[in-house]
Amino acid sequence: MKVTGALEPFLPLCRRLLPGRLADLSLALLKATALEAAILAGHLLLYPTGLTPERRPPAPPAQPTGRDGAARLPVRAAPPVVLLHGFIDNRSVFVLLRRALAQHGGQRVESLNYSPLTCDIRTAAELLGRHIEEICERTGSDRVDIVGHSLGGLIARYYVQRLGGDLRVGTLVTLGTPHAGTRVAPLADAHPIVRQMRPGSEVIEELSRPAPGCRTRFVSFWSDLDALMEPVETARIDHPDLDATNVQVTGIGHLALPVHPAVATGIRQALDETHAEERTAGGLTVA
């Protein structure tokens, strides 16, 4: 997936000053950096709006009945989509993605906040599991899909892979998630949850263990210019037991992944493919 920007007028100058391949790389990095700065500025303005928990949407309508009063066979709707933010962030990061998902398929979309004081991925995954159970009970759905940005994707993966969450999660989409651990910003190791995101940590080691029979489908979006993933390939899922698809995004950075329209389109397509497969495989059973 290639994402283009609007700094092409600088390309001739860059190519004059630098060798061809280096000039292209420098221009791409310049574009990504400018976009990251703009997104960060906008997100800082929106951040206060996401501090409070999201309002719960109304319960689904009662099952329709025909003229004879008999209940009609229900049409299987797509499962709710749960959005889970990254480290020291909140649900405001998903304003644009939420709108794109809701407008596209009319799916129920819910954003969850976890505390910035969270110090353990395992504890956060257990809390996520309780939220998922509450959402399923409230919506009448037996499954959900999850989109997790950065640390949010790692929390969701731990829930799915280590806490039996594959019974509840049909598709897990991760955006810039350090699946194999990231080495960036070593000074941040003072925070325990950052240490858990390092290569070789106990959490990363647990996620590398066998996971036979895991039912969840994984789709991982990773960017070649993600400055928070070191190396950038760490945002890929490489596990022999998982049904995983890795989608490379070029030309954008870490903060752009949950807000860029091209990525939103890719997420919608990934969810649509899963739902189409389920409808084809499931058929219709009448007792």
Foldseek 3Di string as FASTA:
>chain_A
DEDDDDPVVCQVVLVVVDPDVVSVVVVLLVLQVVVVVVLVVVQVVQQVVFPDADDDDAEDDDFDADPVRHGDDDDDAFAEEEEEEDAPGGQSLQPQLVVLQCVPRVHHYGYDGDDNLDQDLQVLLVVVVVVLVVSCVRHVHQAYAYEYAASRLLSPLCNQQPVVCLRHHAEYEYEQYQLQAAPPDPVVVVRNVNVCRHHPHPSSVVSQDDRAPRNHAYEFEFECNARRHVVRCSSADDHPRHNYHYHYYYSHYRSCQSNPPVNSVVVSVVSVVSVVVCCVVVPDDDD
